[in-house]
């Protein structure tokens, strides 16, 4: 599923950026489909007082077996569409995690 369209991920030296669309107030934390060149991320937290952003970084760090400070929101703090930096993983590793764990 994730190999079909990889426009949502960009590899940099020592890190990657991913474009996501966050769906807050979901039943459970999970990845969804690729939509509009973004990876959909469903999270249980509401979009109030930064709780959704905190859950995004916590979920991504846990999912990719990283520390929370390896995940940074570069754009979209106040928006459902976000650009996230993931330190220490390359594009192929991120795609492998998604294919193996979803």
Foldseek 3Di string as FASTA:
>chain_A
DCVVAQLQWDFDVQKIKGKEFEAELDPDWDWDPQDPSHTYTYHNHDLPPQPSVVRVLVVVCVLLVHDSVQKDFPDDSPHRITIIMHGRDGPVSVVVSNVVPD
